[in-house]
Amino acid sequence: MPYVVRDASGQIVKLLAEKSPEATEELQPGDPALLAFLVQAREDGGLQNALAASDLDMIRVLEDLIAILIDKRIIVLTDLPPQAQQKLSRRYELRSKLADLGEIVADMDEVSLP
């Protein structure tokens, strides 16, 4: 049976498989409070996954924004901390290689086989 930890308001905040000093209350598997906690945990996990996925999109937005600021000479790459310079340089290098590969694949698409 699952053991739970509750907060000051009585809401379940943690679920454990075994009894512990902090989790002494045992609930039946079909307990409504337990089911509500599990549903909320699943929804929160979905939100965390969605947020993590949007982080990847935001990284690209920030990368593009930094490139625009550098192109417009609003900032200079050397204005950034050394670690940021290294990371951006590595990203630019990887993107350049990817762009080169894209051109090779595009060229291959134009070749027709007999």
N, C-alpha and C. Protein backbone atom coordinates (compact mmCIF):
# COMPACT_ATOMS: atom_id res chain seq x y z
N MET A 1 0.84 -1.18 0.00
CA MET A 1 0.00 0.00 0.00
C MET A 1 0.88 1.24 0.00
N PRO A 2 0.43 2.31 -0.64
CA PRO A 2 1.24 3.54 -0.69
C PRO A 2 1.14 4.32 0.62
N TYR A 3 2.25 4.95 0.93
CA TYR A 3 2.33 5.85 2.08
C TYR A 3 2.47 7.26 1.56
N VAL A 4 1.86 8.21 2.26
CA VAL A 4 1.87 9.59 1.77
C VAL A 4 2.41 10.55 2.80
N VAL A 5 2.88 11.68 2.29
CA VAL A 5 3.28 12.82 3.11
C VAL A 5 2.33 13.94 2.74
N ARG A 6 1.79 14.60 3.74
CA ARG A 6 0.86 15.71 3.50
C ARG A 6 1.48 17.02 3.96
N ASP A 7 1.05 18.11 3.32
CA ASP A 7 1.51 19.44 3.75
C ASP A 7 0.61 19.94 4.87
N ALA A 8 0.82 21.18 5.31
CA ALA A 8 0.06 21.74 6.43
C ALA A 8 -1.43 21.83 6.14
N SER A 9 -1.79 21.95 4.87
CA SER A 9 -3.20 22.06 4.51
C SER A 9 -3.86 20.69 4.30
N GLY A 10 -3.08 19.63 4.45
CA GLY A 10 -3.64 18.29 4.30
C GLY A 10 -3.54 17.71 2.90
N GLN A 11 -2.93 18.43 1.99
CA GLN A 11 -2.76 17.96 0.61
C GLN A 11 -1.58 16.99 0.53
N ILE A 12 -1.75 15.95 -0.27
CA ILE A 12 -0.65 15.00 -0.47
C ILE A 12 0.43 15.68 -1.30
N VAL A 13 1.67 15.60 -0.80
CA VAL A 13 2.78 16.21 -1.52
C VAL A 13 3.84 15.20 -1.94
N LYS A 14 3.74 13.97 -1.37
CA LYS A 14 4.75 12.97 -1.68
C LYS A 14 4.13 11.59 -1.49
N LEU A 15 4.54 10.68 -2.37
CA LEU A 15 4.04 9.31 -2.34
C LEU A 15 5.23 8.38 -2.24
N LEU A 16 5.18 7.45 -1.28
CA LEU A 16 6.27 6.50 -1.08
C LEU A 16 5.72 5.08 -1.06
N ALA A 17 6.53 4.14 -1.49
CA ALA A 17 6.12 2.73 -1.51
C ALA A 17 6.22 2.10 -0.13
N GLU A 18 7.08 2.66 0.73
CA GLU A 18 7.30 2.08 2.06
C GLU A 18 7.11 3.15 3.13
N LYS A 19 6.80 2.69 4.30
CA LYS A 19 6.64 3.58 5.45
C LYS A 19 7.99 4.20 5.80
N SER A 20 7.94 5.46 6.18
CA SER A 20 9.17 6.16 6.59
C SER A 20 8.80 7.11 7.71
N PRO A 21 9.79 7.73 8.35
CA PRO A 21 9.47 8.68 9.42
C PRO A 21 8.57 9.84 8.96
N GLU A 22 8.73 10.25 7.70
CA GLU A 22 7.90 11.35 7.22
C GLU A 22 6.59 10.86 6.61
N ALA A 23 6.54 9.60 6.16
CA ALA A 23 5.35 9.05 5.53
C ALA A 23 4.82 7.90 6.37
N THR A 24 3.93 8.23 7.26
CA THR A 24 3.38 7.20 8.13
C THR A 24 1.94 6.85 7.78
N GLU A 25 1.30 7.69 6.97
CA GLU A 25 -0.10 7.46 6.61
C GLU A 25 -0.19 6.54 5.40
N GLU A 26 -0.90 5.45 5.57
CA GLU A 26 -1.09 4.48 4.49
C GLU A 26 -2.47 4.69 3.88
N LEU A 27 -2.54 4.71 2.56
CA LEU A 27 -3.81 4.88 1.86
C LEU A 27 -4.12 3.66 1.00
N GLN A 28 -5.39 3.40 0.82
CA GLN A 28 -5.83 2.34 -0.08
C GLN A 28 -5.62 2.80 -1.51
N PRO A 29 -5.33 1.90 -2.45
CA PRO A 29 -5.07 2.30 -3.84
C PRO A 29 -6.19 3.13 -4.48
N GLY A 30 -7.42 2.93 -4.11
CA GLY A 30 -8.52 3.68 -4.72
C GLY A 30 -8.91 4.94 -3.99
N ASP A 31 -8.15 5.34 -2.98
CA ASP A 31 -8.48 6.52 -2.19
C ASP A 31 -8.59 7.75 -3.09
N PRO A 32 -9.69 8.53 -2.98
CA PRO A 32 -9.88 9.71 -3.86
C PRO A 32 -8.74 10.73 -3.77
N ALA A 33 -8.21 10.95 -2.59
CA ALA A 33 -7.10 11.91 -2.44
C ALA A 33 -5.85 11.41 -3.17
N LEU A 34 -5.63 10.11 -3.09
CA LEU A 34 -4.49 9.51 -3.78
C LEU A 34 -4.65 9.60 -5.29
N LEU A 35 -5.86 9.29 -5.77
CA LEU A 35 -6.13 9.38 -7.21
C LEU A 35 -5.97 10.82 -7.71
N ALA A 36 -6.46 11.77 -6.93
CA ALA A 36 -6.32 13.19 -7.30
C ALA A 36 -4.85 13.59 -7.38
N PHE A 37 -4.06 13.11 -6.42
CA PHE A 37 -2.62 13.41 -6.42
C PHE A 37 -1.96 12.83 -7.67
N LEU A 38 -2.30 11.60 -8.02
CA LEU A 38 -1.70 10.95 -9.19
C LEU A 38 -2.10 11.65 -10.49
N VAL A 39 -3.35 12.06 -10.59
CA VAL A 39 -3.80 12.80 -11.79
C VAL A 39 -3.04 14.11 -11.89
N GLN A 40 -2.92 14.83 -10.77
CA GLN A 40 -2.21 16.11 -10.77
C GLN A 40 -0.74 15.92 -11.12
N ALA A 41 -0.12 14.86 -10.59
CA ALA A 41 1.29 14.58 -10.89
C ALA A 41 1.48 14.31 -12.38
N ARG A 42 0.54 13.58 -12.98
CA ARG A 42 0.63 13.30 -14.41
C ARG A 42 0.49 14.59 -15.22
N GLU A 43 -0.46 15.44 -14.83
CA GLU A 43 -0.64 16.72 -15.53
C GLU A 43 0.59 17.60 -15.37
N ASP A 44 1.13 17.66 -14.16
CA ASP A 44 2.33 18.46 -13.92
C ASP A 44 3.50 17.93 -14.74
N GLY A 45 3.62 16.61 -14.85
CA GLY A 45 4.67 16.01 -15.67
C GLY A 45 4.51 16.39 -17.12
N GLY A 46 3.27 16.42 -17.61
CA GLY A 46 3.00 16.84 -18.98
C GLY A 46 3.38 18.29 -19.20
N LEU A 47 3.09 19.12 -18.20
CA LEU A 47 3.46 20.53 -18.29
C LEU A 47 4.98 20.68 -18.30
N GLN A 48 5.66 19.89 -17.47
CA GLN A 48 7.12 19.96 -17.43
C GLN A 48 7.72 19.53 -18.77
N ASN A 49 7.14 18.49 -19.38
CA ASN A 49 7.63 18.05 -20.69
C ASN A 49 7.39 19.11 -21.74
N ALA A 50 6.22 19.74 -21.70
CA ALA A 50 5.92 20.80 -22.66
C ALA A 50 6.86 21.98 -22.47
N LEU A 51 7.13 22.32 -21.22
CA LEU A 51 8.05 23.42 -20.93
C LEU A 51 9.46 23.08 -21.42
N ALA A 52 9.90 21.85 -21.19
CA ALA A 52 11.23 21.43 -21.65
C ALA A 52 11.31 21.49 -23.17
N ALA A 53 10.25 21.07 -23.85
CA ALA A 53 10.24 21.13 -25.32
C ALA A 53 10.29 22.57 -25.79
N SER A 54 9.58 23.46 -25.10
CA SER A 54 9.60 24.86 -25.52
C SER A 54 10.96 25.49 -25.22
N ASP A 55 11.71 24.94 -24.26
CA ASP A 55 13.06 25.44 -23.99
C ASP A 55 13.93 25.32 -25.23
N LEU A 56 13.80 24.23 -25.96
CA LEU A 56 14.59 24.04 -27.17
C LEU A 56 14.26 25.12 -28.20
N ASP A 57 12.98 25.43 -28.32
CA ASP A 57 12.57 26.49 -29.24
C ASP A 57 13.11 27.85 -28.79
N MET A 58 13.06 28.09 -27.48
CA MET A 58 13.55 29.36 -26.96
C MET A 58 15.05 29.51 -27.13
N ILE A 59 15.77 28.41 -27.04
CA ILE A 59 17.22 28.46 -27.25
C ILE A 59 17.50 28.97 -28.65
N ARG A 60 16.75 28.47 -29.63
CA ARG A 60 16.96 28.91 -31.01
C ARG A 60 16.59 30.39 -31.16
N VAL A 61 15.54 30.83 -30.50
CA VAL A 61 15.14 32.24 -30.55
C VAL A 61 16.25 33.11 -29.97
N LEU A 62 16.79 32.71 -28.83
CA LEU A 62 17.86 33.48 -28.19
C LEU A 62 19.12 33.48 -29.05
N GLU A 63 19.42 32.34 -29.66
CA GLU A 63 20.57 32.26 -30.54
C GLU A 63 20.42 33.22 -31.72
N ASP A 64 19.23 33.23 -32.32
CA ASP A 64 18.96 34.14 -33.43
C ASP A 64 19.01 35.60 -32.98
N LEU A 65 18.48 35.90 -31.80
CA LEU A 65 18.51 37.25 -31.26
C LEU A 65 19.94 37.73 -31.05
N ILE A 66 20.78 36.87 -30.49
CA ILE A 66 22.19 37.24 -30.29
C ILE A 66 22.86 37.49 -31.63
N ALA A 67 22.58 36.65 -32.62
CA ALA A 67 23.17 36.82 -33.96
C ALA A 67 22.74 38.17 -34.56
N ILE A 68 21.48 38.53 -34.39
CA ILE A 68 20.99 39.82 -34.91
C ILE A 68 21.69 40.97 -34.21
N LEU A 69 21.81 40.89 -32.89
CA LEU A 69 22.47 41.96 -32.14
C LEU A 69 23.93 42.10 -32.55
N ILE A 70 24.58 40.98 -32.82
CA ILE A 70 25.98 41.03 -33.27
C ILE A 70 26.05 41.59 -34.69
N ASP A 71 25.16 41.13 -35.58
CA ASP A 71 25.14 41.63 -36.96
C ASP A 71 24.90 43.13 -37.02
N LYS A 72 24.05 43.64 -36.14
CA LYS A 72 23.74 45.08 -36.12
C LYS A 72 24.78 45.86 -35.31
N ARG A 73 25.77 45.16 -34.82
CA ARG A 73 26.85 45.74 -34.04
C ARG A 73 26.36 46.44 -32.77
N ILE A 74 25.29 45.90 -32.21
CA ILE A 74 24.78 46.40 -30.93
C ILE A 74 25.61 45.80 -29.80
N ILE A 75 25.99 44.55 -29.98
CA ILE A 75 26.93 43.92 -29.06
C ILE A 75 28.02 43.26 -29.89
N VAL A 76 29.10 42.96 -29.24
CA VAL A 76 30.21 42.25 -29.86
C VAL A 76 30.34 40.92 -29.12
N LEU A 77 30.67 39.88 -29.86
CA LEU A 77 30.77 38.55 -29.24
C LEU A 77 31.66 38.59 -28.01
N THR A 78 32.71 39.40 -28.06
CA THR A 78 33.64 39.45 -26.92
C THR A 78 33.06 40.19 -25.72
N ASP A 79 31.89 40.82 -25.88
CA ASP A 79 31.20 41.41 -24.73
C ASP A 79 30.65 40.34 -23.80
N LEU A 80 30.44 39.16 -24.34
CA LEU A 80 29.86 38.06 -23.58
C LEU A 80 30.94 37.35 -22.76
N PRO A 81 30.53 36.67 -21.68
CA PRO A 81 31.50 35.90 -20.89
C PRO A 81 32.17 34.83 -21.76
N PRO A 82 33.40 34.44 -21.43
CA PRO A 82 34.13 33.45 -22.23
C PRO A 82 33.35 32.15 -22.46
N GLN A 83 32.65 31.67 -21.44
CA GLN A 83 31.89 30.43 -21.60
C GLN A 83 30.77 30.60 -22.65
N ALA A 84 30.12 31.75 -22.62
CA ALA A 84 29.06 32.02 -23.60
C ALA A 84 29.66 32.14 -25.00
N GLN A 85 30.82 32.77 -25.11
CA GLN A 85 31.50 32.88 -26.41
C GLN A 85 31.81 31.51 -26.97
N GLN A 86 32.32 30.63 -26.12
CA GLN A 86 32.67 29.28 -26.56
C GLN A 86 31.43 28.51 -27.02
N LYS A 87 30.36 28.61 -26.25
CA LYS A 87 29.14 27.89 -26.59
C LYS A 87 28.54 28.40 -27.89
N LEU A 88 28.51 29.72 -28.06
CA LEU A 88 27.97 30.29 -29.29
C LEU A 88 28.84 29.93 -30.49
N SER A 89 30.14 30.00 -30.31
CA SER A 89 31.05 29.64 -31.40
C SER A 89 30.84 28.19 -31.81
N ARG A 90 30.68 27.32 -30.84
CA ARG A 90 30.44 25.90 -31.14
C ARG A 90 29.11 25.72 -31.88
N ARG A 91 28.07 26.44 -31.46
CA ARG A 91 26.77 26.35 -32.13
C ARG A 91 26.88 26.85 -33.57
N TYR A 92 27.58 27.97 -33.77
CA TYR A 92 27.75 28.51 -35.13
C TYR A 92 28.49 27.51 -36.01
N GLU A 93 29.52 26.88 -35.43
CA GLU A 93 30.29 25.88 -36.17
C GLU A 93 29.40 24.69 -36.55
N LEU A 94 28.62 24.20 -35.61
CA LEU A 94 27.73 23.07 -35.89
C LEU A 94 26.67 23.44 -36.93
N ARG A 95 26.10 24.63 -36.81
CA ARG A 95 25.09 25.06 -37.78
C ARG A 95 25.70 25.21 -39.18
N SER A 96 26.92 25.69 -39.24
CA SER A 96 27.61 25.83 -40.52
C SER A 96 27.79 24.46 -41.18
N LYS A 97 28.22 23.48 -40.38
CA LYS A 97 28.39 22.13 -40.91
C LYS A 97 27.07 21.55 -41.37
N LEU A 98 26.01 21.80 -40.61
CA LEU A 98 24.69 21.31 -40.97
C LEU A 98 24.22 21.96 -42.27
N ALA A 99 24.47 23.24 -42.42
CA ALA A 99 24.10 23.94 -43.65
C ALA A 99 24.86 23.36 -44.84
N ASP A 100 26.14 23.05 -44.64
CA ASP A 100 26.94 22.44 -45.71
C ASP A 100 26.36 21.10 -46.11
N LEU A 101 25.95 20.31 -45.13
CA LEU A 101 25.34 19.02 -45.41
C LEU A 101 24.02 19.19 -46.16
N GLY A 102 23.28 20.23 -45.80
CA GLY A 102 22.01 20.50 -46.48
C GLY A 102 22.21 20.79 -47.96
N GLU A 103 23.28 21.52 -48.28
CA GLU A 103 23.58 21.81 -49.68
C GLU A 103 23.97 20.55 -50.43
N ILE A 104 24.70 19.67 -49.77
CA ILE A 104 25.10 18.42 -50.42
C ILE A 104 23.86 17.58 -50.72
N VAL A 105 22.97 17.49 -49.76
CA VAL A 105 21.74 16.72 -49.97
C VAL A 105 20.90 17.35 -51.06
N ALA A 106 20.81 18.69 -51.07
CA ALA A 106 20.04 19.37 -52.12
C ALA A 106 20.63 19.09 -53.49
N ASP A 107 21.97 19.09 -53.56
CA ASP A 107 22.62 18.80 -54.84
C ASP A 107 22.32 17.38 -55.27
N MET A 108 22.28 16.45 -54.34
CA MET A 108 22.02 15.06 -54.67
C MET A 108 20.58 14.87 -55.14
N ASP A 109 19.66 15.70 -54.63
CA ASP A 109 18.25 15.59 -55.05
C ASP A 109 18.09 15.98 -56.52
N GLU A 110 18.98 16.86 -56.98
CA GLU A 110 18.87 17.33 -58.36
C GLU A 110 19.42 16.30 -59.35
N VAL A 111 20.22 15.37 -58.86
CA VAL A 111 20.80 14.36 -59.72
C VAL A 111 19.73 13.30 -60.00
N SER A 112 19.47 13.06 -61.28
CA SER A 112 18.48 12.03 -61.61
C SER A 112 19.21 10.78 -62.07
N LEU A 113 18.74 9.67 -61.59
CA LEU A 113 19.34 8.40 -61.95
C LEU A 113 18.67 7.86 -63.20
N PRO A 114 19.46 7.13 -64.05
CA PRO A 114 18.87 6.58 -65.27
C PRO A 114 17.83 5.52 -64.97
